Amino acid sequence: MIEMPPLQFATTNGIRMGYYEAGAGSSGVPVVLCHGWPEMAFSWRHQIKALGEAGIRVIAPDQRGYASTDRPESVEAYDIENLTADLIGLLDHLSIDKAIFVGHDWGGFIVWQMPLRYPSRVAGVIGVNTPHTPRAPAEPISILRKRFGDHFYIAQFQDRARTADKIFDSRVAQAFDFFMRKPMRRKERPAEQAGEGPPVAGVGASPKLNMAFPQMVAAYDPKLDPREKILSPDEMQIFVDAFTKSGFTGGINWYRNMTRNWERSAELDHTVRVPSLMIMAENDEVLPPSATEGMEKLVPDLEKYLVRNSGHWTQQEQPAEVSAKIIEWRNRRFG
């Protein structure tokens, strides 16, 4: 198992943030790796090692609500304004002027926001699976409910009684056993689960897919799951230990701010004006490659790269390829 660098801490935007760093003495533009849900900095273990060994300064934080980082009580403390300000405070702590921000899943939504809100601090952006999309034409949760139904996991996450949180918190190992697997090949999946649809409010999955994740985790029996595991037993235990301690509420609170984020972004110019790379995963059903169609209108300086034979957990499923592409693009575009 890959060992992480020593855990360090920064005071940023009113919280204490844990982070890991490699290649600290290296010159050139640093890279900041931002994880998604339900993940943490450990999700980038392969990339931290590869970039550090390639002579690139790389920083991977546990973001607000996760693992070693503080978990404020207020739901509104997890809005996009705080999540982006946390990263700027981390740059300040490390005396970094500009960085390339790399984000997967929810981390992708954050990094695409960074050049919109802090253009002087962002050298470039790399989205992993998560595209940059226009501002939704209406309140996003209502769009998601209409397309996917009330049992869609993001709709369920809006419940401030924390019903979904409690399901996951009471079944941490079961949850990660369910989530951290490779998708079945298309010919092995039922036909009704093979469709893809255009992105809606940042979600590109087909409405035919069953994504009632709380109920699916509650009923899950790993002995009946034919999908290949992504994590070794030791890696799995790291996730289980971290989320047993932290719970799932901090990360789910990011979803509870989707309407707030939409409301507060009405006057924001959504054009990304820095060099950008979009890394797509061939078999990601939540954020399929089709969700990136039309991105060039909002991201004029955009390159796209497709990782084949990968589902949603791209940097963990195909770590060598993802690391190599990040290194190649960073070195080519920023010397």
C-alpha atoms as a PDB file:
ATOM      1  CA  MET A   1       0.000   0.000   0.000  1.00  0.00           C
ATOM      2  CA  ILE A   2       1.229   3.509  -0.838  1.00  0.00           C
ATOM      3  CA  GLU A   3       2.108   5.504   2.252  1.00  0.00           C
ATOM      4  CA  MET A   4       0.919   9.078   2.520  1.00  0.00           C
ATOM      5  CA  PRO A   5       3.303  11.921   3.388  1.00  0.00           C
ATOM      6  CA  PRO A   6       3.062  13.254   6.962  1.00  0.00           C
ATOM      7  CA  LEU A   7      -0.247  14.895   7.854  1.00  0.00           C
ATOM      8  CA  GLN A   8       0.091  18.662   8.295  1.00  0.00           C
ATOM      9  CA  PHE A   9      -2.403  21.327   9.307  1.00  0.00           C
ATOM     10  CA  ALA A  10      -3.269  24.843   8.149  1.00  0.00           C
ATOM     11  CA  THR A  11      -5.602  27.407   9.680  1.00  0.00           C
ATOM     12  CA  THR A  12      -7.709  28.678   6.813  1.00  0.00           C
ATOM     13  CA  ASN A  13     -11.026  30.497   6.548  1.00  0.00           C
ATOM     14  CA  GLY A  14     -11.870  29.842  10.195  1.00  0.00           C
ATOM     15  CA  ILE A  15     -11.163  26.101  10.217  1.00  0.00           C
ATOM     16  CA  ARG A  16      -8.200  23.790  10.746  1.00  0.00           C
ATOM     17  CA  MET A  17      -7.535  21.886   7.546  1.00  0.00           C
ATOM     18  CA  GLY A  18      -5.448  18.734   7.308  1.00  0.00           C
ATOM     19  CA  TYR A  19      -3.359  18.293   4.190  1.00  0.00           C
ATOM     20  CA  TYR A  20      -0.572  16.191   2.678  1.00  0.00           C
ATOM     21  CA  GLU A  21       2.301  17.522   0.612  1.00  0.00           C
ATOM     22  CA  ALA A  22       5.047  16.063  -1.581  1.00  0.00           C
ATOM     23  CA  GLY A  23       7.742  17.691  -3.691  1.00  0.00           C
ATOM     24  CA  ALA A  24       7.801  20.757  -1.432  1.00  0.00           C
ATOM     25  CA  GLY A  25      11.218  21.880  -2.667  1.00  0.00           C
ATOM     26  CA  SER A  26      10.282  21.706  -6.326  1.00  0.00           C
ATOM     27  CA  SER A  27      10.033  24.749  -8.576  1.00  0.00           C
ATOM     28  CA  GLY A  28       7.254  25.537 -10.991  1.00  0.00           C
ATOM     29  CA  VAL A  29       3.500  25.740 -10.586  1.00  0.00           C
ATOM     30  CA  PRO A  30       2.197  23.579  -7.719  1.00  0.00           C
ATOM     31  CA  VAL A  31      -0.777  21.254  -8.047  1.00  0.00           C
ATOM     32  CA  VAL A  32      -3.649  21.065  -5.537  1.00  0.00           C
ATOM     33  CA  LEU A  33      -5.731  17.860  -5.582  1.00  0.00           C
ATOM     34  CA  CYS A  34      -9.369  18.153  -4.453  1.00  0.00           C
ATOM     35  CA  HIS A  35     -11.362  15.014  -3.642  1.00  0.00           C
ATOM     36  CA  GLY A  36     -15.058  14.256  -4.011  1.00  0.00           C
ATOM     37  CA  TRP A  37     -17.743  12.386  -2.057  1.00  0.00           C
ATOM     38  CA  PRO A  38     -17.359  10.104  -0.214  1.00  0.00           C
ATOM     39  CA  GLU A  39     -13.593  10.401  -0.364  1.00  0.00           C
ATOM     40  CA  MET A  40     -10.684  12.291   1.210  1.00  0.00           C
ATOM     41  CA  ALA A  41      -7.084  13.225   0.413  1.00  0.00           C
ATOM     42  CA  PHE A  42      -6.114   9.537   0.584  1.00  0.00           C
ATOM     43  CA  SER A  43      -8.045   9.065  -2.671  1.00  0.00           C
ATOM     44  CA  TRP A  44      -5.136  10.859  -4.396  1.00  0.00           C
ATOM     45  CA  ARG A  45      -2.405   8.666  -2.844  1.00  0.00           C
ATOM     46  CA  HIS A  46      -1.187   7.422  -6.233  1.00  0.00           C
ATOM     47  CA  GLN A  47      -1.032  10.910  -7.725  1.00  0.00           C
ATOM     48  CA  ILE A  48       0.687  12.413  -4.668  1.00  0.00           C
ATOM     49  CA  LYS A  49       3.466   9.858  -4.999  1.00  0.00           C
ATOM     50  CA  ALA A  50       3.774  10.121  -8.788  1.00  0.00           C
ATOM     51  CA  LEU A  51       3.745  13.926  -8.957  1.00  0.00           C
ATOM     52  CA  GLY A  52       6.165  14.266  -6.061  1.00  0.00           C
ATOM     53  CA  GLU A  53       8.569  11.819  -7.700  1.00  0.00           C
ATOM     54  CA  ALA A  54       8.239  13.765 -10.964  1.00  0.00           C
ATOM     55  CA  GLY A  55       9.527  16.901  -9.232  1.00  0.00           C
ATOM     56  CA  ILE A  56       6.148  18.628  -8.913  1.00  0.00           C
ATOM     57  CA  ARG A  57       4.977  20.230  -5.697  1.00  0.00           C
ATOM     58  CA  VAL A  58       1.628  18.638  -4.894  1.00  0.00           C
ATOM     59  CA  ILE A  59      -0.820  19.319  -2.059  1.00  0.00           C
ATOM     60  CA  ALA A  60      -3.902  17.234  -1.230  1.00  0.00           C
ATOM     61  CA  PRO A  61      -6.212  18.507   1.521  1.00  0.00           C
ATOM     62  CA  ASP A  62      -8.915  16.735   3.445  1.00  0.00           C
ATOM     63  CA  GLN A  63     -11.580  19.268   2.620  1.00  0.00           C
ATOM     64  CA  ARG A  64     -14.122  20.853   4.940  1.00  0.00           C
ATOM     65  CA  GLY A  65     -16.184  18.185   6.710  1.00  0.00           C
ATOM     66  CA  TYR A  66     -13.837  15.295   5.928  1.00  0.00           C
ATOM     67  CA  ALA A  67     -11.291  13.180   7.819  1.00  0.00           C
ATOM     68  CA  SER A  68      -8.663  15.333   9.564  1.00  0.00           C
ATOM     69  CA  THR A  69     -10.315  18.681   8.760  1.00  0.00           C
ATOM     70  CA  ASP A  70     -12.844  20.532  10.919  1.00  0.00           C
ATOM     71  CA  ARG A  71     -16.564  19.841  10.537  1.00  0.00           C
ATOM     72  CA  PRO A  72     -18.581  22.992  11.323  1.00  0.00           C
ATOM     73  CA  GLU A  73     -22.120  22.419  12.556  1.00  0.00           C
ATOM     74  CA  SER A  74     -23.930  24.918  10.312  1.00  0.00           C
ATOM     75  CA  VAL A  75     -25.128  23.566   6.958  1.00  0.00           C
ATOM     76  CA  GLU A  76     -24.455  26.937   5.323  1.00  0.00           C
ATOM     77  CA  ALA A  77     -20.795  26.659   6.355  1.00  0.00           C
ATOM     78  CA  TYR A  78     -20.399  24.194   3.480  1.00  0.00           C
ATOM     79  CA  ASP A  79     -21.429  26.476   0.625  1.00  0.00           C
ATOM     80  CA  ILE A  80     -19.212  26.973  -2.434  1.00  0.00           C
ATOM     81  CA  GLU A  81     -17.982  30.321  -1.142  1.00  0.00           C
ATOM     82  CA  ASN A  82     -16.485  28.649   1.925  1.00  0.00           C
ATOM     83  CA  LEU A  83     -15.191  25.617   0.048  1.00  0.00           C
ATOM     84  CA  THR A  84     -13.268  27.807  -2.420  1.00  0.00           C
ATOM     85  CA  ALA A  85     -12.073  30.235   0.283  1.00  0.00           C
ATOM     86  CA  ASP A  86     -10.657  27.259   2.216  1.00  0.00           C
ATOM     87  CA  LEU A  87      -8.348  26.497  -0.699  1.00  0.00           C
ATOM     88  CA  ILE A  88      -7.200  30.103  -1.023  1.00  0.00           C
ATOM     89  CA  GLY A  89      -6.354  30.110   2.668  1.00  0.00           C
ATOM     90  CA  LEU A  90      -4.371  26.922   2.136  1.00  0.00           C
ATOM     91  CA  LEU A  91      -2.373  28.631  -0.634  1.00  0.00           C
ATOM     92  CA  ASP A  92      -1.735  31.562   1.708  1.00  0.00           C
ATOM     93  CA  HIS A  93      -0.553  29.218   4.460  1.00  0.00           C
ATOM     94  CA  LEU A  94       1.900  27.603   2.028  1.00  0.00           C
ATOM     95  CA  SER A  95       2.997  30.950   0.497  1.00  0.00           C
ATOM     96  CA  ILE A  96       1.806  29.829  -2.948  1.00  0.00           C
ATOM     97  CA  ASP A  97       0.847  32.580  -5.379  1.00  0.00           C
ATOM     98  CA  LYS A  98      -0.859  30.449  -8.042  1.00  0.00           C
ATOM     99  CA  ALA A  99      -1.665  26.767  -8.413  1.00  0.00           C
ATOM    100  CA  ILE A 100      -3.214  24.286 -10.788  1.00  0.00           C
ATOM    101  CA  PHE A 101      -6.368  22.916  -9.172  1.00  0.00           C
ATOM    102  CA  VAL A 102      -7.367  19.325  -9.909  1.00  0.00           C
ATOM    103  CA  GLY A 103     -10.777  18.090  -8.799  1.00  0.00           C
ATOM    104  CA  HIS A 104     -12.680  14.812  -8.961  1.00  0.00           C
ATOM    105  CA  ASP A 105     -16.433  14.445  -8.387  1.00  0.00           C
ATOM    106  CA  TRP A 106     -17.494  17.253  -5.997  1.00  0.00           C
ATOM    107  CA  GLY A 107     -13.903  18.440  -5.975  1.00  0.00           C
ATOM    108  CA  GLY A 108     -14.371  19.034  -9.689  1.00  0.00           C
ATOM    109  CA  PHE A 109     -17.255  21.430  -9.095  1.00  0.00           C
ATOM    110  CA  ILE A 110     -15.036  23.343  -6.669  1.00  0.00           C
ATOM    111  CA  VAL A 111     -12.004  23.629  -8.931  1.00  0.00           C
ATOM    112  CA  TRP A 112     -14.064  24.900 -11.873  1.00  0.00           C
ATOM    113  CA  GLN A 113     -15.304  27.639  -9.541  1.00  0.00           C
ATOM    114  CA  MET A 114     -11.808  28.668  -8.464  1.00  0.00           C
ATOM    115  CA  PRO A 115     -10.873  30.727 -11.579  1.00  0.00           C
ATOM    116  CA  LEU A 116     -14.305  32.362 -11.559  1.00  0.00           C
ATOM    117  CA  ARG A 117     -13.921  33.572  -7.985  1.00  0.00           C
ATOM    118  CA  TYR A 118     -10.143  33.891  -7.582  1.00  0.00           C
ATOM    119  CA  PRO A 119      -8.702  34.423 -11.083  1.00  0.00           C
ATOM    120  CA  SER A 120      -5.401  35.820  -9.819  1.00  0.00           C
ATOM    121  CA  ARG A 121      -4.671  32.654  -7.802  1.00  0.00           C
ATOM    122  CA  VAL A 122      -5.423  30.003 -10.431  1.00  0.00           C
ATOM    123  CA  ALA A 123      -2.917  28.981 -13.102  1.00  0.00           C
ATOM    124  CA  GLY A 124      -4.972  26.146 -14.553  1.00  0.00           C
ATOM    125  CA  VAL A 125      -7.770  23.664 -13.891  1.00  0.00           C
ATOM    126  CA  ILE A 126      -8.046  19.920 -14.383  1.00  0.00           C
ATOM    127  CA  GLY A 127     -11.473  18.345 -14.017  1.00  0.00           C
ATOM    128  CA  VAL A 128     -11.546  14.603 -13.425  1.00  0.00           C
ATOM    129  CA  ASN A 129     -14.947  13.259 -14.563  1.00  0.00           C
ATOM    130  CA  THR A 130     -16.721  16.465 -13.450  1.00  0.00           C
ATOM    131  CA  PRO A 131     -17.443  18.918 -16.292  1.00  0.00           C
ATOM    132  CA  HIS A 132     -17.872  22.661 -16.086  1.00  0.00           C
ATOM    133  CA  THR A 133     -21.474  23.493 -16.912  1.00  0.00           C
ATOM    134  CA  PRO A 134     -23.544  26.667 -17.359  1.00  0.00           C
ATOM    135  CA  ARG A 135     -25.553  27.908 -14.426  1.00  0.00           C
ATOM    136  CA  ALA A 136     -28.732  25.825 -14.207  1.00  0.00           C
ATOM    137  CA  PRO A 137     -31.774  27.507 -15.818  1.00  0.00           C
ATOM    138  CA  ALA A 138     -33.813  26.932 -12.640  1.00  0.00           C
ATOM    139  CA  GLU A 139     -33.298  25.879  -9.036  1.00  0.00           C
ATOM    140  CA  PRO A 140     -31.173  22.722  -9.417  1.00  0.00           C
ATOM    141  CA  ILE A 141     -32.821  20.424  -6.875  1.00  0.00           C
ATOM    142  CA  SER A 142     -36.209  20.890  -8.531  1.00  0.00           C
ATOM    143  CA  ILE A 143     -34.632  19.921 -11.873  1.00  0.00           C
ATOM    144  CA  LEU A 144     -33.056  16.833 -10.349  1.00  0.00           C
ATOM    145  CA  ARG A 145     -36.296  15.782  -8.640  1.00  0.00           C
ATOM    146  CA  LYS A 146     -38.201  16.167 -11.882  1.00  0.00           C
ATOM    147  CA  ARG A 147     -35.714  14.130 -13.878  1.00  0.00           C
ATOM    148  CA  PHE A 148     -34.653  11.463 -11.368  1.00  0.00           C
ATOM    149  CA  GLY A 149     -37.417  11.399  -8.741  1.00  0.00           C
ATOM    150  CA  ASP A 150     -37.472  11.922  -4.991  1.00  0.00           C
ATOM    151  CA  HIS A 151     -35.394   8.807  -4.310  1.00  0.00           C
ATOM    152  CA  PHE A 152     -32.418  10.134  -6.265  1.00  0.00           C
ATOM    153  CA  TYR A 153     -29.617  10.406  -3.722  1.00  0.00           C
ATOM    154  CA  ILE A 154     -29.059  14.174  -4.120  1.00  0.00           C
ATOM    155  CA  ALA A 155     -32.781  14.768  -3.539  1.00  0.00           C
ATOM    156  CA  GLN A 156     -32.659  12.567  -0.440  1.00  0.00           C
ATOM    157  CA  PHE A 157     -29.604  14.446   0.828  1.00  0.00           C
ATOM    158  CA  GLN A 158     -31.695  17.631   1.113  1.00  0.00           C
ATOM    159  CA  ASP A 159     -33.441  16.143   4.169  1.00  0.00           C
ATOM    160  CA  ARG A 160     -32.050  18.033   7.152  1.00  0.00           C
ATOM    161  CA  ALA A 161     -33.266  15.286   9.451  1.00  0.00           C
ATOM    162  CA  ARG A 162     -30.141  13.511   8.146  1.00  0.00           C
ATOM    163  CA  THR A 163     -31.886  10.267   7.318  1.00  0.00           C
ATOM    164  CA  ALA A 164     -29.336   9.382   4.629  1.00  0.00           C
ATOM    165  CA  ASP A 165     -26.444  10.366   6.896  1.00  0.00           C
ATOM    166  CA  LYS A 166     -27.692   7.998   9.587  1.00  0.00           C
ATOM    167  CA  ILE A 167     -27.967   5.100   7.150  1.00  0.00           C
ATOM    168  CA  PHE A 168     -24.371   5.553   6.008  1.00  0.00           C
ATOM    169  CA  ASP A 169     -23.045   6.287   9.519  1.00  0.00           C
ATOM    170  CA  SER A 170     -24.504   3.024  10.802  1.00  0.00           C
ATOM    171  CA  ARG A 171     -23.050   0.982   7.919  1.00  0.00           C
ATOM    172  CA  VAL A 172     -19.673   2.549   7.132  1.00  0.00           C
ATOM    173  CA  ALA A 173     -17.895  -0.599   5.950  1.00  0.00           C
ATOM    174  CA  GLN A 174     -20.965  -1.680   4.000  1.00  0.00           C
ATOM    175  CA  ALA A 175     -21.177   1.743   2.341  1.00  0.00           C
ATOM    176  CA  PHE A 176     -17.582   1.684   1.140  1.00  0.00           C
ATOM    177  CA  ASP A 177     -17.864  -1.917   0.015  1.00  0.00           C
ATOM    178  CA  PHE A 178     -20.835  -0.807  -2.091  1.00  0.00           C
ATOM    179  CA  PHE A 179     -19.295   2.380  -3.504  1.00  0.00           C
ATOM    180  CA  MET A 180     -15.669   1.422  -4.125  1.00  0.00           C
ATOM    181  CA  ARG A 181     -16.052  -1.058  -6.958  1.00  0.00           C
ATOM    182  CA  LYS A 182     -15.535  -0.973 -10.688  1.00  0.00           C
ATOM    183  CA  PRO A 183     -18.650  -0.915 -12.856  1.00  0.00           C
ATOM    184  CA  MET A 184     -19.758  -4.020 -14.673  1.00  0.00           C
ATOM    185  CA  ARG A 185     -18.920  -4.078 -18.339  1.00  0.00           C
ATOM    186  CA  ARG A 186     -21.785  -2.863 -20.497  1.00  0.00           C
ATOM    187  CA  LYS A 187     -22.646  -6.276 -21.898  1.00  0.00           C
ATOM    188  CA  GLU A 188     -23.037  -7.541 -18.314  1.00  0.00           C
ATOM    189  CA  ARG A 189     -25.473  -4.800 -17.258  1.00  0.00           C
ATOM    190  CA  PRO A 190     -29.250  -4.848 -17.714  1.00  0.00           C
ATOM    191  CA  ALA A 191     -30.242  -2.869 -20.780  1.00  0.00           C
ATOM    192  CA  GLU A 192     -32.211  -0.349 -18.754  1.00  0.00           C
ATOM    193  CA  GLN A 193     -29.050   0.567 -16.841  1.00  0.00           C
ATOM    194  CA  ALA A 194     -26.845   1.181 -19.867  1.00  0.00           C
ATOM    195  CA  GLY A 195     -28.231   4.520 -21.069  1.00  0.00           C
ATOM    196  CA  GLU A 196     -26.616   7.908 -20.765  1.00  0.00           C
ATOM    197  CA  GLY A 197     -28.311  11.262 -20.960  1.00  0.00           C
ATOM    198  CA  PRO A 198     -27.181  14.846 -21.445  1.00  0.00           C
ATOM    199  CA  PRO A 199     -26.013  16.770 -18.368  1.00  0.00           C
ATOM    200  CA  VAL A 200     -28.667  18.488 -16.273  1.00  0.00           C
ATOM    201  CA  ALA A 201     -27.526  20.935 -13.608  1.00  0.00           C
ATOM    202  CA  GLY A 202     -24.127  19.301 -13.545  1.00  0.00           C
ATOM    203  CA  VAL A 203     -25.417  15.722 -13.472  1.00  0.00           C
ATOM    204  CA  GLY A 204     -25.051  13.683 -16.632  1.00  0.00           C
ATOM    205  CA  ALA A 205     -26.468  10.333 -15.556  1.00  0.00           C
ATOM    206  CA  SER A 206     -29.380   8.683 -17.249  1.00  0.00           C
ATOM    207  CA  PRO A 207     -32.726   8.979 -15.448  1.00  0.00           C
ATOM    208  CA  LYS A 208     -33.047   5.214 -15.962  1.00  0.00           C
ATOM    209  CA  LEU A 209     -30.244   4.535 -13.492  1.00  0.00           C
ATOM    210  CA  ASN A 210     -31.180   3.578  -9.948  1.00  0.00           C
ATOM    211  CA  MET A 211     -29.262   5.941  -7.669  1.00  0.00           C
ATOM    212  CA  ALA A 212     -31.226   5.681  -4.434  1.00  0.00           C
ATOM    213  CA  PHE A 213     -27.916   5.194  -2.679  1.00  0.00           C
ATOM    214  CA  PRO A 214     -29.104   5.214   0.969  1.00  0.00           C
ATOM    215  CA  GLN A 215     -31.578   2.400   0.343  1.00  0.00           C
ATOM    216  CA  MET A 216     -29.111   0.540  -1.860  1.00  0.00           C
ATOM    217  CA  VAL A 217     -26.462   0.636   0.867  1.00  0.00           C
ATOM    218  CA  ALA A 218     -28.991  -0.403   3.533  1.00  0.00           C
ATOM    219  CA  ALA A 219     -29.978  -3.480   1.503  1.00  0.00           C
ATOM    220  CA  TYR A 220     -26.492  -4.266   0.212  1.00  0.00           C
ATOM    221  CA  ASP A 221     -25.006  -7.738   0.476  1.00  0.00           C
ATOM    222  CA  PRO A 222     -21.383  -7.783  -0.756  1.00  0.00           C
ATOM    223  CA  LYS A 223     -21.512 -11.549  -1.227  1.00  0.00           C
ATOM    224  CA  LEU A 224     -23.986 -11.004  -4.064  1.00  0.00           C
ATOM    225  CA  ASP A 225     -21.983  -8.242  -5.777  1.00  0.00           C
ATOM    226  CA  PRO A 226     -20.051  -9.421  -8.867  1.00  0.00           C
ATOM    227  CA  ARG A 227     -18.235  -6.114  -9.354  1.00  0.00           C
ATOM    228  CA  GLU A 228     -14.477  -5.972  -8.878  1.00  0.00           C
ATOM    229  CA  LYS A 229     -13.204  -4.200  -5.771  1.00  0.00           C
ATOM    230  CA  ILE A 230     -11.045  -1.106  -6.222  1.00  0.00           C
ATOM    231  CA  LEU A 231      -9.437  -1.014  -2.770  1.00  0.00           C
ATOM    232  CA  SER A 232      -7.181  -3.470  -1.011  1.00  0.00           C
ATOM    233  CA  PRO A 233      -8.312  -4.516   2.495  1.00  0.00           C
ATOM    234  CA  ASP A 234      -5.785  -2.093   4.049  1.00  0.00           C
ATOM    235  CA  GLU A 235      -6.950   0.779   1.840  1.00  0.00           C
ATOM    236  CA  MET A 236     -10.568  -0.001   2.613  1.00  0.00           C
ATOM    237  CA  GLN A 237      -9.831   0.104   6.323  1.00  0.00           C
ATOM    238  CA  ILE A 238      -8.372   3.608   6.024  1.00  0.00           C
ATOM    239  CA  PHE A 239     -11.621   4.868   4.503  1.00  0.00           C
ATOM    240  CA  VAL A 240     -13.737   3.008   7.050  1.00  0.00           C
ATOM    241  CA  ASP A 241     -11.723   4.284  10.015  1.00  0.00           C
ATOM    242  CA  ALA A 242     -11.848   7.886   8.773  1.00  0.00           C
ATOM    243  CA  PHE A 243     -15.592   7.928   8.123  1.00  0.00           C
ATOM    244  CA  THR A 244     -16.375   6.041  11.314  1.00  0.00           C
ATOM    245  CA  LYS A 245     -14.746   8.932  13.145  1.00  0.00           C
ATOM    246  CA  SER A 246     -16.063  11.814  11.018  1.00  0.00           C
ATOM    247  CA  GLY A 247     -19.439  10.528   9.875  1.00  0.00           C
ATOM    248  CA  PHE A 248     -20.927  11.429   6.495  1.00  0.00           C
ATOM    249  CA  THR A 249     -22.784  14.639   7.381  1.00  0.00           C
ATOM    250  CA  GLY A 250     -19.992  17.084   6.532  1.00  0.00           C
ATOM    251  CA  GLY A 251     -19.696  15.825   2.979  1.00  0.00           C
ATOM    252  CA  ILE A 252     -23.443  15.542   2.502  1.00  0.00           C
ATOM    253  CA  ASN A 253     -23.784  19.169   3.631  1.00  0.00           C
ATOM    254  CA  TRP A 254     -22.024  20.145   0.412  1.00  0.00           C
ATOM    255  CA  TYR A 255     -25.104  18.821  -1.417  1.00  0.00           C
ATOM    256  CA  ARG A 256     -27.414  20.695   0.951  1.00  0.00           C
ATOM    257  CA  ASN A 257     -25.973  23.952  -0.389  1.00  0.00           C
ATOM    258  CA  MET A 258     -26.696  23.355  -4.067  1.00  0.00           C
ATOM    259  CA  THR A 259     -29.694  25.688  -4.061  1.00  0.00           C
ATOM    260  CA  ARG A 260     -27.818  28.310  -2.031  1.00  0.00           C
ATOM    261  CA  ASN A 261     -24.865  28.108  -4.419  1.00  0.00           C
ATOM    262  CA  TRP A 262     -27.185  28.523  -7.393  1.00  0.00           C
ATOM    263  CA  GLU A 263     -28.948  31.521  -5.850  1.00  0.00           C
ATOM    264  CA  ARG A 264     -25.682  33.276  -5.026  1.00  0.00           C
ATOM    265  CA  SER A 265     -24.070  32.731  -8.432  1.00  0.00           C
ATOM    266  CA  ALA A 266     -26.555  34.675 -10.577  1.00  0.00           C
ATOM    267  CA  GLU A 267     -24.116  37.524 -11.278  1.00  0.00           C
ATOM    268  CA  LEU A 268     -21.033  35.328 -11.734  1.00  0.00           C
ATOM    269  CA  ASP A 269     -19.343  35.109 -15.129  1.00  0.00           C
ATOM    270  CA  HIS A 270     -19.073  31.351 -15.688  1.00  0.00           C
ATOM    271  CA  THR A 271     -16.359  31.553 -18.364  1.00  0.00           C
ATOM    272  CA  VAL A 272     -13.122  29.814 -17.324  1.00  0.00           C
ATOM    273  CA  ARG A 273     -10.228  31.895 -18.641  1.00  0.00           C
ATOM    274  CA  VAL A 274      -7.255  29.685 -17.747  1.00  0.00           C
ATOM    275  CA  PRO A 275      -5.723  26.641 -19.471  1.00  0.00           C
ATOM    276  CA  SER A 276      -7.869  23.624 -18.641  1.00  0.00           C
ATOM    277  CA  LEU A 277      -7.881  19.860 -19.043  1.00  0.00           C
ATOM    278  CA  MET A 278     -10.924  17.608 -18.848  1.00  0.00           C
ATOM    279  CA  ILE A 279     -10.121  13.992 -17.928  1.00  0.00           C
ATOM    280  CA  MET A 280     -13.136  11.810 -18.711  1.00  0.00           C
ATOM    281  CA  ALA A 281     -13.852   8.228 -17.634  1.00  0.00           C
ATOM    282  CA  GLU A 282     -15.340   5.952 -20.257  1.00  0.00           C
ATOM    283  CA  ASN A 283     -17.677   4.038 -17.938  1.00  0.00           C
ATOM    284  CA  ASP A 284     -18.688   6.648 -15.357  1.00  0.00           C
ATOM    285  CA  GLU A 285     -22.495   6.513 -15.247  1.00  0.00           C
ATOM    286  CA  VAL A 286     -22.931   9.467 -12.885  1.00  0.00           C
ATOM    287  CA  LEU A 287     -20.621  11.822 -14.789  1.00  0.00           C
ATOM    288  CA  PRO A 288     -20.316  10.272 -18.260  1.00  0.00           C
ATOM    289  CA  PRO A 289     -18.128  11.683 -21.041  1.00  0.00           C
ATOM    290  CA  SER A 290     -21.299  12.918 -22.755  1.00  0.00           C
ATOM    291  CA  ALA A 291     -21.690  15.421 -19.896  1.00  0.00           C
ATOM    292  CA  THR A 292     -18.665  17.327 -21.222  1.00  0.00           C
ATOM    293  CA  GLU A 293     -20.255  18.128 -24.579  1.00  0.00           C
ATOM    294  CA  GLY A 294     -20.266  21.863 -25.239  1.00  0.00           C
ATOM    295  CA  MET A 295     -17.764  22.696 -22.499  1.00  0.00           C
ATOM    296  CA  GLU A 296     -15.637  24.589 -24.998  1.00  0.00           C
ATOM    297  CA  LYS A 297     -18.203  27.399 -25.013  1.00  0.00           C
ATOM    298  CA  LEU A 298     -17.402  28.137 -21.361  1.00  0.00           C
ATOM    299  CA  VAL A 299     -13.783  26.944 -21.347  1.00  0.00           C
ATOM    300  CA  PRO A 300     -12.093  28.315 -24.471  1.00  0.00           C
ATOM    301  CA  ASP A 301      -8.642  26.865 -23.696  1.00  0.00           C
ATOM    302  CA  LEU A 302      -9.721  23.259 -23.137  1.00  0.00           C
ATOM    303  CA  GLU A 303      -8.160  19.891 -23.841  1.00  0.00           C
ATOM    304  CA  LYS A 304     -10.016  16.613 -23.334  1.00  0.00           C
ATOM    305  CA  TYR A 305      -8.606  13.206 -22.511  1.00  0.00           C
ATOM    306  CA  LEU A 306     -10.547   9.944 -22.228  1.00  0.00           C
ATOM    307  CA  VAL A 307      -9.513   7.246 -19.752  1.00  0.00           C
ATOM    308  CA  ARG A 308     -10.849   3.946 -21.026  1.00  0.00           C
ATOM    309  CA  ASN A 309     -11.941   1.024 -18.856  1.00  0.00           C
ATOM    310  CA  SER A 310     -12.641   3.257 -15.865  1.00  0.00           C
ATOM    311  CA  GLY A 311     -15.743   3.944 -13.850  1.00  0.00           C
ATOM    312  CA  HIS A 312     -16.332   6.816 -11.462  1.00  0.00           C
ATOM    313  CA  TRP A 313     -13.267   6.436  -9.213  1.00  0.00           C
ATOM    314  CA  THR A 314     -10.869   7.264 -12.025  1.00  0.00           C
ATOM    315  CA  GLN A 315      -7.745   8.293 -10.109  1.00  0.00           C
ATOM    316  CA  GLN A 316      -7.995   5.076  -8.089  1.00  0.00           C
ATOM    317  CA  GLU A 317      -9.110   2.748 -10.906  1.00  0.00           C
ATOM    318  CA  GLN A 318      -6.524   3.890 -13.457  1.00  0.00           C
ATOM    319  CA  PRO A 319      -3.992   5.692 -11.268  1.00  0.00           C
ATOM    320  CA  ALA A 320      -0.910   5.431 -13.494  1.00  0.00           C
ATOM    321  CA  GLU A 321      -2.717   6.815 -16.547  1.00  0.00           C
ATOM    322  CA  VAL A 322      -4.326   9.680 -14.616  1.00  0.00           C
ATOM    323  CA  SER A 323      -1.026  10.613 -12.957  1.00  0.00           C
ATOM    324  CA  ALA A 324       0.860  10.491 -16.250  1.00  0.00           C
ATOM    325  CA  LYS A 325      -1.683  12.751 -17.975  1.00  0.00           C
ATOM    326  CA  ILE A 326      -1.648  15.318 -15.160  1.00  0.00           C
ATOM    327  CA  ILE A 327       2.156  15.398 -15.234  1.00  0.00           C
ATOM    328  CA  GLU A 328       2.346  15.618 -19.045  1.00  0.00           C
ATOM    329  CA  TRP A 329      -0.225  18.400 -19.290  1.00  0.00           C
ATOM    330  CA  ARG A 330       1.211  20.415 -16.413  1.00  0.00           C
ATOM    331  CA  ASN A 331       4.754  20.206 -17.759  1.00  0.00           C
ATOM    332  CA  ARG A 332       3.703  21.010 -21.326  1.00  0.00           C
ATOM    333  CA  ARG A 333       1.496  23.962 -20.449  1.00  0.00           C
ATOM    334  CA  PHE A 334       3.491  25.432 -17.561  1.00  0.00           C
ATOM    335  CA  GLY A 335       7.044  24.299 -18.157  1.00  0.00           C
END
